[in-house]
Amino acid sequence: MKQIYAFEKKNDYEKYQDTISRLSSGLIEYQQVIEREFALKDPPKAVVWTTEELATTVFSDIPIPAFTNKDLIYMSPDIKTWLNIFEKQLEGKDLPSIRQFYKEHTETEMLVILAHELTHHSELFLDDFEDDKEDGIWFEEGMCFYLPRKLLLNEEEFNQITDVETELYENFKDKYGDYSLEDFGSSSYDGTLSSIMFDYWRSYLAVKYLIEVRANGDVKTVFDDYHNWDHERRKVPLTKYFGLEDG
C-alpha cells in the first residue's frame, strides 16, 4: 500500500514521521498474515495519514479519526489525539486502571485500530463496502478487532485489553445496552463517544466468546458458520443463529 500524507503544515509530517514509520511497519507484517490466512485479496490502495481535524471534518464527518472505504484507509498518527479519545470514552468515570492502561499502550492500540480498518477488506466478510449493511454488522466489527489483537498482541496484552473492554462494557451496559446486539449503532444517536464505542466493546467480546469458547479457538469454524447463515438466506438474525440471544 502507498503512504499518502495529508497535512496542512510540513512540520506536522515531520512531527509524526517516526510514529507513522512504526505503525506502517507493524501493518505490513499484519497484512502478510491476513493475505495468507484470512483472504485479504484486494487491499486498499493507500493509507492516508492526516490530522484528527481533517479526518473528521474534511474527509468525513465520522467522529473518530480512523476509517476505511473501498480504496483508502484514513488514520491520524497523533498519539495525544488517541489518548484524548480513550480518555473521553470513559465519560469521567473513576476507572484508574483503564486510564493507566491506555497511557501505557496508546501506540499499540493505534496499531490495532489501523489493522482493524485493514481487516474490513478481507473477502471472508459477506458485505461489500457499497452494500447497505443491515444485519450481522456486529460480527464484522467484532472480528475486525479480534484478529488484530490475537495476531499483533502478546498473551498478556491480549488479556489486558479484553479485561479493559469487559470492564467498560460492565460500566456502560445499563446506559447503552438496552437493545439487541443486532442493532449495532443504535445508541450512537446519543452522540457521545462511549455510546458509539459500546457496540464495539460488546461485539469484540461476543466474537471472542464464539471463537474461544464455542469453537475452541478455531476462527475458521466461526467464519464457516457465518457463511452457512448467509447460504441459508439469513432466515434468522445472526445472533440467534449463533445462539447468543433470542434475536
C-alpha atoms as a PDB file:
ATOM      1  CA  MET A   1       0.000   0.000   0.000  1.00  0.00           C
ATOM      2  CA  LYS A   2       1.077   3.522  -0.718  1.00  0.00           C
ATOM      3  CA  GLN A   3       1.520   6.045   2.095  1.00  0.00           C
ATOM      4  CA  ILE A   4      -0.161   9.416   1.480  1.00  0.00           C
ATOM      5  CA  TYR A   5       0.476  12.360   3.789  1.00  0.00           C
ATOM      6  CA  ALA A   6      -2.415  14.810   4.039  1.00  0.00           C
ATOM      7  CA  PHE A   7      -1.240  17.540   6.383  1.00  0.00           C
ATOM      8  CA  GLU A   8      -1.714  21.277   6.124  1.00  0.00           C
ATOM      9  CA  LYS A   9       1.708  22.006   7.560  1.00  0.00           C
ATOM     10  CA  LYS A  10       5.062  20.479   6.719  1.00  0.00           C
ATOM     11  CA  ASN A  11       6.041  20.286  10.380  1.00  0.00           C
ATOM     12  CA  ASP A  12       3.013  18.055  11.043  1.00  0.00           C
ATOM     13  CA  TYR A  13       4.505  15.419   8.760  1.00  0.00           C
ATOM     14  CA  GLU A  14       7.902  15.848  10.411  1.00  0.00           C
ATOM     15  CA  LYS A  15       6.356  15.591  13.874  1.00  0.00           C
ATOM     16  CA  TYR A  16       4.582  12.305  13.091  1.00  0.00           C
ATOM     17  CA  GLN A  17       7.152  10.729  10.786  1.00  0.00           C
ATOM     18  CA  ASP A  18       8.588   8.291  13.331  1.00  0.00           C
ATOM     19  CA  THR A  19       5.170   7.179  14.569  1.00  0.00           C
ATOM     20  CA  ILE A  20       3.967   6.661  11.007  1.00  0.00           C
ATOM     21  CA  SER A  21       7.038   4.575  10.246  1.00  0.00           C
ATOM     22  CA  ARG A  22       6.470   2.288  13.230  1.00  0.00           C
ATOM     23  CA  LEU A  23       2.755   1.878  12.545  1.00  0.00           C
ATOM     24  CA  SER A  24       3.378   1.216   8.860  1.00  0.00           C
ATOM     25  CA  SER A  25       5.937  -1.484   9.635  1.00  0.00           C
ATOM     26  CA  GLY A  26       3.543  -3.202  12.009  1.00  0.00           C
ATOM     27  CA  LEU A  27       0.737  -3.041   9.453  1.00  0.00           C
ATOM     28  CA  ILE A  28       2.892  -4.591   6.732  1.00  0.00           C
ATOM     29  CA  GLU A  29       3.605  -7.631   8.900  1.00  0.00           C
ATOM     30  CA  TYR A  30      -0.069  -7.947   9.792  1.00  0.00           C
ATOM     31  CA  GLN A  31      -1.133  -7.597   6.166  1.00  0.00           C
ATOM     32  CA  GLN A  32       1.065 -10.514   5.163  1.00  0.00           C
ATOM     33  CA  VAL A  33      -0.666 -12.788   7.670  1.00  0.00           C
ATOM     34  CA  ILE A  34      -4.163 -11.660   6.669  1.00  0.00           C
ATOM     35  CA  GLU A  35      -3.362 -12.175   2.992  1.00  0.00           C
ATOM     36  CA  ARG A  36      -2.072 -15.673   3.704  1.00  0.00           C
ATOM     37  CA  GLU A  37      -4.678 -16.884   6.194  1.00  0.00           C
ATOM     38  CA  PHE A  38      -7.782 -14.690   6.029  1.00  0.00           C
ATOM     39  CA  ALA A  39      -8.488 -13.965   2.368  1.00  0.00           C
ATOM     40  CA  LEU A  40      -7.203 -10.426   2.030  1.00  0.00           C
ATOM     41  CA  LYS A  41      -7.132 -10.389  -1.777  1.00  0.00           C
ATOM     42  CA  ASP A  42      -7.828  -6.777  -2.659  1.00  0.00           C
ATOM     43  CA  PRO A  43      -6.237  -4.489  -0.055  1.00  0.00           C
ATOM     44  CA  PRO A  44      -6.833  -0.740  -0.114  1.00  0.00           C
ATOM     45  CA  LYS A  45      -4.596   1.318  -2.366  1.00  0.00           C
ATOM     46  CA  ALA A  46      -3.147   3.523   0.371  1.00  0.00           C
ATOM     47  CA  VAL A  47      -3.172   4.734   3.930  1.00  0.00           C
ATOM     48  CA  VAL A  48      -3.895   8.445   4.159  1.00  0.00           C
ATOM     49  CA  TRP A  49      -2.163   9.879   7.216  1.00  0.00           C
ATOM     50  CA  THR A  50      -3.818  13.054   8.411  1.00  0.00           C
ATOM     51  CA  THR A  51      -4.838  15.082  11.441  1.00  0.00           C
ATOM     52  CA  GLU A  52      -7.909  14.477  13.570  1.00  0.00           C
ATOM     53  CA  GLU A  53      -9.432  17.727  12.306  1.00  0.00           C
ATOM     54  CA  LEU A  54      -9.077  16.844   8.625  1.00  0.00           C
ATOM     55  CA  ALA A  55     -10.159  13.229   9.179  1.00  0.00           C
ATOM     56  CA  THR A  56     -13.368  14.213  10.970  1.00  0.00           C
ATOM     57  CA  THR A  57     -14.355  17.417   9.157  1.00  0.00           C
ATOM     58  CA  VAL A  58     -12.918  17.278   5.624  1.00  0.00           C
ATOM     59  CA  PHE A  59     -12.513  13.617   4.668  1.00  0.00           C
ATOM     60  CA  SER A  60     -15.589  12.525   6.646  1.00  0.00           C
ATOM     61  CA  ASP A  61     -17.922  13.519   9.440  1.00  0.00           C
ATOM     62  CA  ILE A  62     -17.092  10.390  11.454  1.00  0.00           C
ATOM     63  CA  PRO A  63     -16.088  11.470  14.992  1.00  0.00           C
ATOM     64  CA  ILE A  64     -13.184   9.005  15.210  1.00  0.00           C
ATOM     65  CA  PRO A  65     -10.082   9.683  13.056  1.00  0.00           C
ATOM     66  CA  ALA A  66      -9.718   6.160  11.693  1.00  0.00           C
ATOM     67  CA  PHE A  67     -11.928   4.701   8.962  1.00  0.00           C
ATOM     68  CA  THR A  68     -11.784   2.951   5.622  1.00  0.00           C
ATOM     69  CA  ASN A  69     -13.560   2.784   2.319  1.00  0.00           C
ATOM     70  CA  LYS A  70     -13.025   0.589  -0.721  1.00  0.00           C
ATOM     71  CA  ASP A  71      -9.742   2.227  -1.722  1.00  0.00           C
ATOM     72  CA  LEU A  72      -8.284   4.086   1.242  1.00  0.00           C
ATOM     73  CA  ILE A  73      -7.665   3.906   4.968  1.00  0.00           C
ATOM     74  CA  TYR A  74      -7.605   7.223   6.815  1.00  0.00           C
ATOM     75  CA  MET A  75      -5.703   7.415  10.091  1.00  0.00           C
ATOM     76  CA  SER A  76      -4.431  10.047  12.487  1.00  0.00           C
ATOM     77  CA  PRO A  77      -0.911   9.250  13.753  1.00  0.00           C
ATOM     78  CA  ASP A  78      -1.130  11.685  16.666  1.00  0.00           C
ATOM     79  CA  ILE A  79      -0.651   9.871  19.978  1.00  0.00           C
ATOM     80  CA  LYS A  80      -2.129  12.753  22.014  1.00  0.00           C
ATOM     81  CA  THR A  81      -5.275  12.670  19.878  1.00  0.00           C
ATOM     82  CA  TRP A  82      -5.816   8.995  20.585  1.00  0.00           C
ATOM     83  CA  LEU A  83      -5.056   9.291  24.283  1.00  0.00           C
ATOM     84  CA  ASN A  84      -7.683  12.044  24.474  1.00  0.00           C
ATOM     85  CA  ILE A  85     -10.167   9.790  22.665  1.00  0.00           C
ATOM     86  CA  PHE A  86      -9.501   6.916  25.064  1.00  0.00           C
ATOM     87  CA  GLU A  87      -9.958   9.304  27.987  1.00  0.00           C
ATOM     88  CA  LYS A  88     -13.145  10.842  26.590  1.00  0.00           C
ATOM     89  CA  GLN A  89     -14.847   7.475  26.163  1.00  0.00           C
ATOM     90  CA  LEU A  90     -14.738   6.982  29.948  1.00  0.00           C
ATOM     91  CA  GLU A  91     -17.195   9.876  30.495  1.00  0.00           C
ATOM     92  CA  GLY A  92     -15.353  10.936  33.627  1.00  0.00           C
ATOM     93  CA  LYS A  93     -15.863   7.609  35.406  1.00  0.00           C
ATOM     94  CA  ASP A  94     -13.353   6.695  38.096  1.00  0.00           C
ATOM     95  CA  LEU A  95     -11.521   3.917  36.267  1.00  0.00           C
ATOM     96  CA  PRO A  96      -7.836   4.447  37.134  1.00  0.00           C
ATOM     97  CA  SER A  97      -6.554   1.078  35.913  1.00  0.00           C
ATOM     98  CA  ILE A  98      -8.140   1.642  32.496  1.00  0.00           C
ATOM     99  CA  ARG A  99      -6.697   5.138  32.256  1.00  0.00           C
ATOM    100  CA  GLN A 100      -3.269   3.756  33.090  1.00  0.00           C
ATOM    101  CA  PHE A 101      -3.602   1.004  30.507  1.00  0.00           C
ATOM    102  CA  TYR A 102      -4.308   3.477  27.727  1.00  0.00           C
ATOM    103  CA  LYS A 103      -1.444   5.730  28.794  1.00  0.00           C
ATOM    104  CA  GLU A 104       0.965   2.807  28.618  1.00  0.00           C
ATOM    105  CA  HIS A 105      -0.404   1.245  25.407  1.00  0.00           C
ATOM    106  CA  THR A 106      -1.605   4.149  23.281  1.00  0.00           C
ATOM    107  CA  GLU A 107       0.577   3.428  20.267  1.00  0.00           C
ATOM    108  CA  THR A 108      -0.131  -0.305  20.425  1.00  0.00           C
ATOM    109  CA  GLU A 109      -3.845   0.456  20.432  1.00  0.00           C
ATOM    110  CA  MET A 110      -3.336   2.750  17.439  1.00  0.00           C
ATOM    111  CA  LEU A 111      -1.745  -0.127  15.525  1.00  0.00           C
ATOM    112  CA  VAL A 112      -4.675  -2.392  16.424  1.00  0.00           C
ATOM    113  CA  ILE A 113      -7.117   0.257  15.182  1.00  0.00           C
ATOM    114  CA  LEU A 114      -5.163   0.654  11.942  1.00  0.00           C
ATOM    115  CA  ALA A 115      -5.163  -3.134  11.482  1.00  0.00           C
ATOM    116  CA  HIS A 116      -8.896  -3.176  12.279  1.00  0.00           C
ATOM    117  CA  GLU A 117      -9.500  -0.945   9.266  1.00  0.00           C
ATOM    118  CA  LEU A 118      -7.400  -3.205   7.018  1.00  0.00           C
ATOM    119  CA  THR A 119      -9.224  -6.331   8.245  1.00  0.00           C
ATOM    120  CA  HIS A 120     -12.501  -4.944   6.876  1.00  0.00           C
ATOM    121  CA  HIS A 121     -11.071  -5.651   3.410  1.00  0.00           C
ATOM    122  CA  SER A 122     -10.972  -9.424   3.932  1.00  0.00           C
ATOM    123  CA  GLU A 123     -13.035 -11.384   1.415  1.00  0.00           C
ATOM    124  CA  LEU A 124     -14.341 -13.505   4.292  1.00  0.00           C
ATOM    125  CA  PHE A 125     -16.846 -10.791   5.181  1.00  0.00           C
ATOM    126  CA  LEU A 126     -20.108 -11.059   3.293  1.00  0.00           C
ATOM    127  CA  ASP A 127     -20.938  -7.437   2.544  1.00  0.00           C
ATOM    128  CA  ASP A 128     -19.020  -5.143   0.232  1.00  0.00           C
ATOM    129  CA  PHE A 129     -18.290  -1.517   1.052  1.00  0.00           C
ATOM    130  CA  GLU A 130     -21.015  -0.276  -1.276  1.00  0.00           C
ATOM    131  CA  ASP A 131     -23.648  -2.586   0.279  1.00  0.00           C
ATOM    132  CA  ASP A 132     -26.187  -1.377   2.802  1.00  0.00           C
ATOM    133  CA  LYS A 133     -25.052  -3.229   5.891  1.00  0.00           C
ATOM    134  CA  GLU A 134     -28.185  -4.039   7.823  1.00  0.00           C
ATOM    135  CA  ASP A 135     -27.599  -7.354   9.587  1.00  0.00           C
ATOM    136  CA  GLY A 136     -24.617  -9.057  11.147  1.00  0.00           C
ATOM    137  CA  ILE A 137     -22.641  -5.808  11.358  1.00  0.00           C
ATOM    138  CA  TRP A 138     -21.603  -6.671  14.908  1.00  0.00           C
ATOM    139  CA  PHE A 139     -19.862  -9.809  13.656  1.00  0.00           C
ATOM    140  CA  GLU A 140     -17.642  -7.998  11.170  1.00  0.00           C
ATOM    141  CA  GLU A 141     -16.803  -5.208  13.604  1.00  0.00           C
ATOM    142  CA  GLY A 142     -16.031  -7.634  16.426  1.00  0.00           C
ATOM    143  CA  MET A 143     -13.902  -9.855  14.197  1.00  0.00           C
ATOM    144  CA  CYS A 144     -12.024  -6.818  12.892  1.00  0.00           C
ATOM    145  CA  PHE A 145     -10.864  -6.204  16.443  1.00  0.00           C
ATOM    146  CA  TYR A 146     -10.369  -9.834  17.438  1.00  0.00           C
ATOM    147  CA  LEU A 147      -7.970 -10.747  14.624  1.00  0.00           C
ATOM    148  CA  PRO A 148      -5.587  -7.772  15.052  1.00  0.00           C
ATOM    149  CA  ARG A 149      -5.459  -8.281  18.786  1.00  0.00           C
ATOM    150  CA  LYS A 150      -4.875 -12.007  18.517  1.00  0.00           C
ATOM    151  CA  LEU A 151      -2.184 -11.629  15.851  1.00  0.00           C
ATOM    152  CA  LEU A 152      -0.423  -8.445  16.968  1.00  0.00           C
ATOM    153  CA  LEU A 153      -0.511  -8.620  20.763  1.00  0.00           C
ATOM    154  CA  ASN A 154       1.253 -10.978  23.123  1.00  0.00           C
ATOM    155  CA  GLU A 155      -0.852 -13.011  25.533  1.00  0.00           C
ATOM    156  CA  GLU A 156      -0.545 -10.519  28.387  1.00  0.00           C
ATOM    157  CA  GLU A 157      -1.521  -7.567  26.181  1.00  0.00           C
ATOM    158  CA  PHE A 158      -4.418  -9.524  24.703  1.00  0.00           C
ATOM    159  CA  ASN A 159      -5.746 -10.397  28.143  1.00  0.00           C
ATOM    160  CA  GLN A 160      -5.290  -6.807  29.326  1.00  0.00           C
ATOM    161  CA  ILE A 161      -7.340  -5.222  26.541  1.00  0.00           C
ATOM    162  CA  THR A 162     -10.000  -7.916  26.968  1.00  0.00           C
ATOM    163  CA  ASP A 163     -10.213  -7.093  30.684  1.00  0.00           C
ATOM    164  CA  VAL A 164     -10.365  -3.376  29.893  1.00  0.00           C
ATOM    165  CA  GLU A 165     -13.224  -3.746  27.421  1.00  0.00           C
ATOM    166  CA  THR A 166     -15.070  -6.167  29.706  1.00  0.00           C
ATOM    167  CA  GLU A 167     -14.905  -3.569  32.472  1.00  0.00           C
ATOM    168  CA  LEU A 168     -16.009  -0.810  30.088  1.00  0.00           C
ATOM    169  CA  TYR A 169     -18.924  -2.969  28.921  1.00  0.00           C
ATOM    170  CA  GLU A 170     -19.989  -3.603  32.519  1.00  0.00           C
ATOM    171  CA  ASN A 171     -19.763   0.100  33.371  1.00  0.00           C
ATOM    172  CA  PHE A 172     -21.858   1.269  30.433  1.00  0.00           C
ATOM    173  CA  LYS A 173     -24.301  -1.579  29.750  1.00  0.00           C
ATOM    174  CA  ASP A 174     -27.091  -0.083  31.868  1.00  0.00           C
ATOM    175  CA  LYS A 175     -26.809   3.212  29.999  1.00  0.00           C
ATOM    176  CA  TYR A 176     -26.276   1.988  26.435  1.00  0.00           C
ATOM    177  CA  GLY A 177     -27.107  -1.710  26.334  1.00  0.00           C
ATOM    178  CA  ASP A 178     -30.903  -1.737  26.175  1.00  0.00           C
ATOM    179  CA  TYR A 179     -31.106  -3.076  22.620  1.00  0.00           C
ATOM    180  CA  SER A 180     -30.043  -6.138  20.668  1.00  0.00           C
ATOM    181  CA  LEU A 181     -26.501  -6.719  19.506  1.00  0.00           C
ATOM    182  CA  GLU A 182     -28.051  -6.941  16.046  1.00  0.00           C
ATOM    183  CA  ASP A 183     -28.871  -3.239  16.217  1.00  0.00           C
ATOM    184  CA  PHE A 184     -25.227  -2.202  16.069  1.00  0.00           C
ATOM    185  CA  GLY A 185     -25.031   1.587  16.202  1.00  0.00           C
ATOM    186  CA  SER A 186     -28.493   2.150  17.670  1.00  0.00           C
ATOM    187  CA  SER A 187     -27.225   4.097  20.672  1.00  0.00           C
ATOM    188  CA  SER A 188     -24.956   6.348  18.632  1.00  0.00           C
ATOM    189  CA  TYR A 189     -27.874   8.780  18.294  1.00  0.00           C
ATOM    190  CA  ASP A 190     -26.900   9.783  21.812  1.00  0.00           C
ATOM    191  CA  GLY A 191     -23.852  11.425  20.263  1.00  0.00           C
ATOM    192  CA  THR A 192     -21.345  10.517  22.955  1.00  0.00           C
ATOM    193  CA  LEU A 193     -18.142   8.684  22.163  1.00  0.00           C
ATOM    194  CA  SER A 194     -18.860   5.977  24.721  1.00  0.00           C
ATOM    195  CA  SER A 195     -22.297   5.319  23.157  1.00  0.00           C
ATOM    196  CA  ILE A 196     -20.523   4.658  19.864  1.00  0.00           C
ATOM    197  CA  MET A 197     -17.717   2.596  21.374  1.00  0.00           C
ATOM    198  CA  PHE A 198     -20.075   0.484  23.479  1.00  0.00           C
ATOM    199  CA  ASP A 199     -21.130  -1.514  20.432  1.00  0.00           C
ATOM    200  CA  TYR A 200     -17.509  -2.213  19.508  1.00  0.00           C
ATOM    201  CA  TRP A 201     -16.713  -3.418  23.032  1.00  0.00           C
ATOM    202  CA  ARG A 202     -19.567  -5.863  23.180  1.00  0.00           C
ATOM    203  CA  SER A 203     -19.133  -7.015  19.578  1.00  0.00           C
ATOM    204  CA  TYR A 204     -15.493  -7.871  20.272  1.00  0.00           C
ATOM    205  CA  LEU A 205     -16.451  -9.745  23.441  1.00  0.00           C
ATOM    206  CA  ALA A 206     -19.168 -11.678  21.586  1.00  0.00           C
ATOM    207  CA  VAL A 207     -16.801 -12.718  18.785  1.00  0.00           C
ATOM    208  CA  LYS A 208     -14.111 -13.681  21.297  1.00  0.00           C
ATOM    209  CA  TYR A 209     -16.645 -15.896  23.079  1.00  0.00           C
ATOM    210  CA  LEU A 210     -17.698 -17.562  19.818  1.00  0.00           C
ATOM    211  CA  ILE A 211     -14.110 -18.315  18.856  1.00  0.00           C
ATOM    212  CA  GLU A 212     -12.503 -19.220  22.149  1.00  0.00           C
ATOM    213  CA  VAL A 213     -15.382 -20.894  23.986  1.00  0.00           C
ATOM    214  CA  ARG A 214     -17.812 -22.185  21.378  1.00  0.00           C
ATOM    215  CA  ALA A 215     -15.255 -23.055  18.667  1.00  0.00           C
ATOM    216  CA  ASN A 216     -12.303 -23.991  20.896  1.00  0.00           C
ATOM    217  CA  GLY A 217     -10.125 -21.297  19.334  1.00  0.00           C
ATOM    218  CA  ASP A 218     -10.862 -22.154  15.709  1.00  0.00           C
ATOM    219  CA  VAL A 219     -11.516 -18.852  13.923  1.00  0.00           C
ATOM    220  CA  LYS A 220     -12.245 -20.539  10.611  1.00  0.00           C
ATOM    221  CA  THR A 221     -15.031 -22.636  12.123  1.00  0.00           C
ATOM    222  CA  VAL A 222     -16.759 -19.444  13.202  1.00  0.00           C
ATOM    223  CA  PHE A 223     -16.346 -17.978   9.721  1.00  0.00           C
ATOM    224  CA  ASP A 224     -17.811 -21.188   8.267  1.00  0.00           C
ATOM    225  CA  ASP A 225     -20.898 -20.821  10.460  1.00  0.00           C
ATOM    226  CA  TYR A 226     -21.191 -17.173   9.428  1.00  0.00           C
ATOM    227  CA  HIS A 227     -21.126 -18.190   5.752  1.00  0.00           C
ATOM    228  CA  ASN A 228     -23.616 -21.008   6.362  1.00  0.00           C
ATOM    229  CA  TRP A 229     -26.006 -18.441   7.849  1.00  0.00           C
ATOM    230  CA  ASP A 230     -25.758 -16.479   4.600  1.00  0.00           C
ATOM    231  CA  HIS A 231     -26.139 -19.587   2.408  1.00  0.00           C
ATOM    232  CA  GLU A 232     -29.314 -20.395   4.320  1.00  0.00           C
ATOM    233  CA  ARG A 233     -30.655 -16.969   3.274  1.00  0.00           C
ATOM    234  CA  ARG A 234     -30.264 -15.324   6.686  1.00  0.00           C
ATOM    235  CA  LYS A 235     -33.611 -16.696   7.870  1.00  0.00           C
ATOM    236  CA  VAL A 236     -32.910 -15.614  11.450  1.00  0.00           C
ATOM    237  CA  PRO A 237     -30.707 -12.864  12.878  1.00  0.00           C
ATOM    238  CA  LEU A 238     -27.057 -13.857  13.141  1.00  0.00           C
ATOM    239  CA  THR A 239     -27.127 -13.593  16.930  1.00  0.00           C
ATOM    240  CA  LYS A 240     -29.937 -16.140  17.034  1.00  0.00           C
ATOM    241  CA  TYR A 241     -28.147 -18.373  14.512  1.00  0.00           C
ATOM    242  CA  PHE A 242     -25.118 -18.403  16.816  1.00  0.00           C
ATOM    243  CA  GLY A 243     -27.343 -18.864  19.887  1.00  0.00           C
ATOM    244  CA  LEU A 244     -26.119 -15.676  21.532  1.00  0.00           C
ATOM    245  CA  GLU A 245     -29.549 -14.185  22.206  1.00  0.00           C
ATOM    246  CA  ASP A 246     -33.138 -14.637  21.189  1.00  0.00           C
ATOM    247  CA  GLY A 247     -32.557 -12.044  18.433  1.00  0.00           C
END
